[in-house]
Structure formats: C-alpha cells, structure tokens
Amino acid sequence: MTRIRTMILASFWILSAGCANTSVYVLDQAELIRVKVNQNITAKYDGWLLSDRAVDRVMNAKIKGVNLE
C-alpha cells in the first residue's frame, strides 16, 4: 500500500511540475499541410516550410557543450 501511495504521489508531483511551464497550442488543419516533391501549394498563412530532412536533422541534433556564464 505504501509503494502504491508513493507512486501516486510521485506521478502527481511529476505531472504538476511539468505543467508549470508547458503551453499547448492547437493547430488549425490549414497550418499543417503534407507536400511532396514538385507539388505546388497555396499557403493560407505566412510561415515556413520545413522538409522532412530538416525536421529530422533538428529532432536528432546532438547538443554540444556550451560555455554558459
């Protein structure tokens, strides 16, 4: 029983701490468009087009040591 109570309290603490600085943004369907090579599109909003390659490189980037002062 104590183990379960500890797990519940730990889960609650983790969820509470995680929500303190987290924002949730809901995207409009028009904000996310799947495109293929040589496909022409008309964007409803200004913004950026990131290729799958660019997203993959960003998501898999390795963090290098930075001298923070």
C-alpha atoms as a PDB file:
ATOM      1  CA  MET A   1       0.000   0.000   0.000  1.00  0.00           C
ATOM      2  CA  THR A   2       2.824   2.404   0.816  1.00  0.00           C
ATOM      3  CA  ARG A   3       4.504   1.664  -2.510  1.00  0.00           C
ATOM      4  CA  ILE A   4       1.307   2.475  -4.420  1.00  0.00           C
ATOM      5  CA  ARG A   5       0.806   5.677  -2.444  1.00  0.00           C
ATOM      6  CA  THR A   6       4.411   6.704  -3.152  1.00  0.00           C
ATOM      7  CA  MET A   7       3.973   6.005  -6.862  1.00  0.00           C
ATOM      8  CA  ILE A   8       0.756   8.045  -6.983  1.00  0.00           C
ATOM      9  CA  LEU A   9       2.366  10.968  -5.147  1.00  0.00           C
ATOM     10  CA  ALA A  10       5.437  10.818  -7.393  1.00  0.00           C
ATOM     11  CA  SER A  11       3.244  10.769 -10.515  1.00  0.00           C
ATOM     12  CA  PHE A  12       1.208  13.714  -9.257  1.00  0.00           C
ATOM     13  CA  TRP A  13       4.367  15.679  -8.482  1.00  0.00           C
ATOM     14  CA  ILE A  14       5.885  14.969 -11.899  1.00  0.00           C
ATOM     15  CA  LEU A  15       2.676  15.965 -13.689  1.00  0.00           C
ATOM     16  CA  SER A  16       2.290  19.105 -11.589  1.00  0.00           C
ATOM     17  CA  ALA A  17       5.890  20.161 -12.108  1.00  0.00           C
ATOM     18  CA  GLY A  18       5.694  19.500 -15.845  1.00  0.00           C
ATOM     19  CA  CYS A  19       2.583  21.619 -16.299  1.00  0.00           C
ATOM     20  CA  ALA A  20       4.034  24.714 -14.648  1.00  0.00           C
ATOM     21  CA  ASN A  21       5.844  25.873 -17.793  1.00  0.00           C
ATOM     22  CA  THR A  22       4.102  23.935 -20.532  1.00  0.00           C
ATOM     23  CA  SER A  23       1.885  25.504 -23.163  1.00  0.00           C
ATOM     24  CA  VAL A  24      -0.388  23.633 -25.525  1.00  0.00           C
ATOM     25  CA  TYR A  25      -1.086  25.040 -28.958  1.00  0.00           C
ATOM     26  CA  VAL A  26      -3.865  23.694 -31.161  1.00  0.00           C
ATOM     27  CA  LEU A  27      -3.098  23.866 -34.858  1.00  0.00           C
ATOM     28  CA  ASP A  28      -5.681  24.647 -37.498  1.00  0.00           C
ATOM     29  CA  GLN A  29      -5.766  21.963 -40.222  1.00  0.00           C
ATOM     30  CA  ALA A  30      -4.702  24.644 -42.735  1.00  0.00           C
ATOM     31  CA  GLU A  31      -1.496  25.213 -40.710  1.00  0.00           C
ATOM     32  CA  LEU A  32      -0.189  21.713 -41.343  1.00  0.00           C
ATOM     33  CA  ILE A  33      -0.027  20.567 -44.945  1.00  0.00           C
ATOM     34  CA  ARG A  34       1.717  17.453 -46.259  1.00  0.00           C
ATOM     35  CA  VAL A  35       3.528  18.160 -49.528  1.00  0.00           C
ATOM     36  CA  LYS A  36       5.523  16.014 -51.916  1.00  0.00           C
ATOM     37  CA  VAL A  37       8.419  16.878 -54.225  1.00  0.00           C
ATOM     38  CA  ASN A  38       7.383  19.138 -57.137  1.00  0.00           C
ATOM     39  CA  GLN A  39       3.901  19.717 -55.670  1.00  0.00           C
ATOM     40  CA  ASN A  40       2.604  23.296 -55.809  1.00  0.00           C
ATOM     41  CA  ILE A  41       0.655  24.610 -52.835  1.00  0.00           C
ATOM     42  CA  THR A  42      -1.006  27.858 -51.830  1.00  0.00           C
ATOM     43  CA  ALA A  43      -0.466  28.644 -48.170  1.00  0.00           C
ATOM     44  CA  LYS A  44      -3.321  30.103 -46.161  1.00  0.00           C
ATOM     45  CA  TYR A  45      -0.879  31.633 -43.638  1.00  0.00           C
ATOM     46  CA  ASP A  46       2.599  33.184 -43.813  1.00  0.00           C
ATOM     47  CA  GLY A  47       5.320  31.000 -42.400  1.00  0.00           C
ATOM     48  CA  TRP A  48       7.957  28.402 -43.118  1.00  0.00           C
ATOM     49  CA  LEU A  49       8.115  25.144 -44.994  1.00  0.00           C
ATOM     50  CA  LEU A  50      10.415  22.617 -43.356  1.00  0.00           C
ATOM     51  CA  SER A  51      11.313  19.490 -45.250  1.00  0.00           C
ATOM     52  CA  ASP A  52      11.223  16.083 -43.567  1.00  0.00           C
ATOM     53  CA  ARG A  53      15.025  16.150 -43.863  1.00  0.00           C
ATOM     54  CA  ALA A  54      15.243  19.451 -41.957  1.00  0.00           C
ATOM     55  CA  VAL A  55      12.874  18.268 -39.241  1.00  0.00           C
ATOM     56  CA  ASP A  56      14.798  15.001 -38.904  1.00  0.00           C
ATOM     57  CA  ARG A  57      18.093  16.866 -38.576  1.00  0.00           C
ATOM     58  CA  VAL A  58      16.682  19.198 -35.909  1.00  0.00           C
ATOM     59  CA  MET A  59      14.999  16.429 -33.911  1.00  0.00           C
ATOM     60  CA  ASN A  60      18.122  14.256 -33.973  1.00  0.00           C
ATOM     61  CA  ALA A  61      20.610  17.053 -33.325  1.00  0.00           C
ATOM     62  CA  LYS A  62      23.161  16.401 -30.658  1.00  0.00           C
ATOM     63  CA  ILE A  63      23.758  19.116 -28.084  1.00  0.00           C
ATOM     64  CA  LYS A  64      27.366  20.240 -27.868  1.00  0.00           C
ATOM     65  CA  GLY A  65      28.865  21.709 -24.730  1.00  0.00           C
ATOM     66  CA  VAL A  66      28.339  25.425 -24.409  1.00  0.00           C
ATOM     67  CA  ASN A  67      30.180  27.680 -22.008  1.00  0.00           C
ATOM     68  CA  LEU A  68      27.314  29.337 -20.119  1.00  0.00           C
ATOM     69  CA  GLU A  69      28.297  32.194 -17.870  1.00  0.00           C
END
